[in-house]
């Protein structure tokens, strides 16, 4: 078995989370990131207007695993990783959440791994060892300071190698325009909407 296969089978070093609503045989719990019928998939892009700015600026995140959402919540904060339920409970209550997904699994997996290893854990484990600060200054290519939509676009820009995934990489990556920065061949499609 290759290292890549082994790490996939071991959930990329992230601890499993059991869905508390699972009602089948208790000794065989299933690991999943489920929220109101939505099953998070590694590489999913989440966009919400449920923020303290009353939706004016919005917020974005990327699923860096099949259960975890990576983001940076705002001024004075650092990057963090929450379970799907924690992230959704936080943002779905205050507005809408749109989930976008790219079709190419190799692209989404590469982007999610890049986001995880550049913004959460250099070793790709569940222990955070990267603490980028929030800020809108600096280069679009810099990782510190950073902001939510920049993390997402960087993941798909840097994490996918030479594939032409990102068409436009503006100096300020606006949340609501995020899906429009992708090239036509890799444009993310909205797969879920919570209101």
Protein backbone atom coordinates (compact mmCIF):
# COMPACT_ATOMS: atom_id res chain seq x y z
CA UNK A 1 0.00 0.00 0.00
CA UNK A 2 1.37 3.42 -0.94
CA UNK A 3 1.68 6.26 1.52
CA UNK A 4 -1.06 8.18 -0.34
CA UNK A 5 -3.47 5.23 0.01
CA UNK A 6 -2.57 4.74 3.67
CA UNK A 7 -3.06 8.41 4.55
CA UNK A 8 -6.47 8.47 2.79
CA UNK A 9 -7.57 5.38 4.72
CA UNK A 10 -6.49 7.10 7.93
CA UNK A 11 -8.54 10.25 7.28
CA UNK A 12 -5.46 12.37 6.52
CA UNK A 13 -4.39 12.24 10.15
CA UNK A 14 -7.58 13.87 11.38
CA UNK A 15 -9.48 12.16 14.19
CA UNK A 16 -12.81 10.63 13.20
CA UNK A 17 -15.99 12.34 14.32
CA UNK A 18 -19.13 10.33 14.86
CA UNK A 19 -22.42 11.91 13.82
CA UNK A 20 -24.49 12.04 17.02
CA UNK A 21 -27.69 11.52 15.01
CA UNK A 22 -26.57 8.08 13.81
CA UNK A 23 -29.27 5.65 14.92
CA UNK A 24 -28.07 2.31 13.52
CA UNK A 25 -26.08 -0.29 15.44
CA UNK A 26 -24.16 1.66 18.14
CA UNK A 27 -21.06 -0.57 17.96
CA UNK A 28 -20.66 0.34 14.25
CA UNK A 29 -20.79 4.14 14.17
CA UNK A 30 -20.18 5.84 10.83
CA UNK A 31 -17.68 8.65 10.42
CA UNK A 32 -19.06 11.59 8.52
CA UNK A 33 -19.51 15.31 8.38
CA UNK A 34 -23.24 15.71 7.90
CA UNK A 35 -25.42 18.77 8.41
CA UNK A 36 -29.12 18.85 7.43
CA UNK A 37 -28.60 16.25 4.72
CA UNK A 38 -25.37 17.77 3.41
CA UNK A 39 -22.31 15.55 3.57
CA UNK A 40 -19.13 17.60 3.50
CA UNK A 41 -16.53 16.52 0.97
CA UNK A 42 -12.90 17.45 1.07
CA UNK A 43 -12.36 20.56 -1.06
CA UNK A 44 -15.90 21.94 -0.75
CA UNK A 45 -16.08 25.74 -0.72
CA UNK A 46 -18.49 27.31 1.77
CA UNK A 47 -19.73 30.89 1.44
CA UNK A 48 -22.05 32.61 3.91
CA UNK A 49 -23.58 35.97 4.66
CA UNK A 50 -24.14 34.95 8.30
CA UNK A 51 -21.47 37.24 9.73
CA UNK A 52 -21.14 40.03 12.26
CA UNK A 53 -21.03 42.49 9.33
CA UNK A 54 -24.68 41.57 8.64
CA UNK A 55 -23.66 39.91 5.40
CA UNK A 56 -21.97 42.95 3.91
CA UNK A 57 -18.56 41.30 3.57
CA UNK A 58 -19.51 37.64 3.83
CA UNK A 59 -17.31 34.75 4.89
CA UNK A 60 -15.69 31.81 3.08
CA UNK A 61 -14.11 28.51 4.11
CA UNK A 62 -12.77 25.28 2.62
CA UNK A 63 -13.37 21.71 3.77
CA UNK A 64 -9.83 20.52 4.46
CA UNK A 65 -11.05 17.00 5.24
CA UNK A 66 -14.23 14.94 4.98
CA UNK A 67 -15.41 16.33 8.32
CA UNK A 68 -13.51 19.55 8.91
CA UNK A 69 -13.86 23.14 7.75
CA UNK A 70 -10.85 25.47 7.68
CA UNK A 71 -11.23 29.24 7.90
CA UNK A 72 -10.09 32.42 9.61
CA UNK A 73 -12.99 34.10 11.40
CA UNK A 74 -11.89 37.75 11.33
CA UNK A 75 -9.96 40.58 12.91
CA UNK A 76 -7.79 39.59 15.86
CA UNK A 77 -8.19 35.89 15.04
CA UNK A 78 -6.06 33.15 13.53
CA UNK A 79 -6.84 30.20 11.29
CA UNK A 80 -8.90 27.40 12.80
CA UNK A 81 -10.45 24.05 11.99
CA UNK A 82 -14.01 23.22 13.06
CA UNK A 83 -16.18 20.18 12.53
CA UNK A 84 -18.86 20.55 9.87
CA UNK A 85 -21.56 20.77 12.52
CA UNK A 86 -19.69 23.44 14.54
CA UNK A 87 -19.05 25.59 11.47
CA UNK A 88 -22.58 25.26 10.10
CA UNK A 89 -24.19 25.86 13.50
CA UNK A 90 -22.16 29.05 13.75
CA UNK A 91 -23.07 30.48 10.32
CA UNK A 92 -26.36 28.89 9.26
CA UNK A 93 -28.21 30.45 12.21
CA UNK A 94 -27.35 34.00 11.13
CA UNK A 95 -27.97 33.89 7.37
CA UNK A 96 -27.56 31.65 4.37
CA UNK A 97 -24.75 29.22 3.51
CA UNK A 98 -23.93 28.14 -0.05
CA UNK A 99 -21.76 25.10 -0.71
CA UNK A 100 -19.78 24.87 -3.95
CA UNK A 101 -18.01 21.82 -5.34
CA UNK A 102 -15.62 21.21 -8.24
CA UNK A 103 -16.06 17.99 -10.22
CA UNK A 104 -12.38 17.03 -10.50
CA UNK A 105 -11.58 15.02 -7.34
CA UNK A 106 -7.81 15.25 -7.84
CA UNK A 107 -8.06 19.06 -7.91
CA UNK A 108 -10.25 19.32 -4.80
CA UNK A 109 -8.12 16.85 -2.85
CA UNK A 110 -4.92 18.70 -3.76
CA UNK A 111 -6.43 22.07 -2.83
CA UNK A 112 -7.72 20.78 0.52
CA UNK A 113 -4.35 19.23 1.39
CA UNK A 114 -2.56 22.45 0.44
CA UNK A 115 -4.92 24.53 2.62
CA UNK A 116 -4.47 22.16 5.55
CA UNK A 117 -0.65 22.02 5.32
CA UNK A 118 -0.25 25.76 4.75
CA UNK A 119 -2.86 27.12 7.15
CA UNK A 120 -3.41 24.51 9.86
CA UNK A 121 -0.82 21.75 10.28
CA UNK A 122 2.46 21.46 8.37
CA UNK A 123 2.38 17.71 9.02
CA UNK A 124 -1.25 17.31 7.95
CA UNK A 125 -2.31 16.16 11.42
CA UNK A 126 -5.11 17.25 13.75
CA UNK A 127 -2.65 19.30 15.85
CA UNK A 128 -2.50 22.93 14.70
CA UNK A 129 1.01 24.34 14.31
CA UNK A 130 0.30 27.24 11.91
CA UNK A 131 -1.30 30.40 13.28
CA UNK A 132 -1.62 32.92 10.45
CA UNK A 133 -3.14 36.20 11.55
CA UNK A 134 -6.10 37.95 9.94
CA UNK A 135 -5.34 40.93 7.75
CA UNK A 136 -6.16 42.39 4.33
CA UNK A 137 -2.67 43.76 3.74
CA UNK A 138 0.21 42.01 2.03
CA UNK A 139 0.62 40.17 -1.21
CA UNK A 140 -2.06 37.90 -2.66
CA UNK A 141 0.61 35.18 -2.50
CA UNK A 142 1.57 35.71 1.16
CA UNK A 143 0.15 33.41 3.83
CA UNK A 144 0.49 35.81 6.74
CA UNK A 145 -1.54 37.96 7.15
CA UNK A 146 -4.49 36.42 5.36
CA UNK A 147 -8.27 36.40 5.16
CA UNK A 148 -10.98 33.81 4.47
CA UNK A 149 -11.53 34.05 0.70
CA UNK A 150 -7.79 34.45 0.04
CA UNK A 151 -7.14 31.10 1.78
CA UNK A 152 -9.69 29.37 -0.46
CA UNK A 153 -8.40 30.86 -3.71
CA UNK A 154 -4.75 30.24 -2.76
CA UNK A 155 -5.57 26.57 -2.10
CA UNK A 156 -6.91 26.12 -5.61
CA UNK A 157 -4.20 28.30 -7.17
CA UNK A 158 -1.13 26.82 -5.45
CA UNK A 159 -2.40 23.40 -4.46
CA UNK A 160 -3.39 22.19 -7.92
CA UNK A 161 -0.03 22.36 -9.67
CA UNK A 162 0.02 23.50 -13.28
CA UNK A 163 -3.68 22.88 -13.93
CA UNK A 164 -5.45 26.09 -15.06
CA UNK A 165 -7.95 26.04 -12.18
CA UNK A 166 -7.90 29.72 -11.23
CA UNK A 167 -8.48 32.17 -14.06
CA UNK A 168 -8.32 35.44 -12.10
CA UNK A 169 -6.40 36.09 -8.87
CA UNK A 170 -7.22 39.68 -7.88
CA UNK A 171 -5.28 41.63 -5.29
CA UNK A 172 -8.38 41.55 -3.06
CA UNK A 173 -10.38 38.30 -3.24
CA UNK A 174 -13.99 39.17 -2.48
CA UNK A 175 -16.11 36.47 -0.86
CA UNK A 176 -19.20 36.63 -3.06
CA UNK A 177 -17.14 36.68 -6.28
CA UNK A 178 -15.07 33.64 -5.28
CA UNK A 179 -16.72 31.14 -7.70
CA UNK A 180 -16.16 33.57 -10.59
CA UNK A 181 -12.35 33.50 -10.21
CA UNK A 182 -12.19 29.91 -11.46
CA UNK A 183 -11.63 29.01 -15.11
CA UNK A 184 -14.60 27.71 -17.07
CA UNK A 185 -13.30 24.12 -17.04
CA UNK A 186 -13.04 24.09 -13.22
CA UNK A 187 -15.88 26.42 -12.23
CA UNK A 188 -17.37 25.28 -8.91
CA UNK A 189 -21.06 24.43 -8.95
CA UNK A 190 -23.41 25.20 -6.08
CA UNK A 191 -24.47 21.87 -4.57
CA UNK A 192 -26.28 23.00 -1.43
CA UNK A 193 -28.05 26.06 -0.08
CA UNK A 194 -29.06 26.57 3.55
CA UNK A 195 -31.27 29.46 4.60
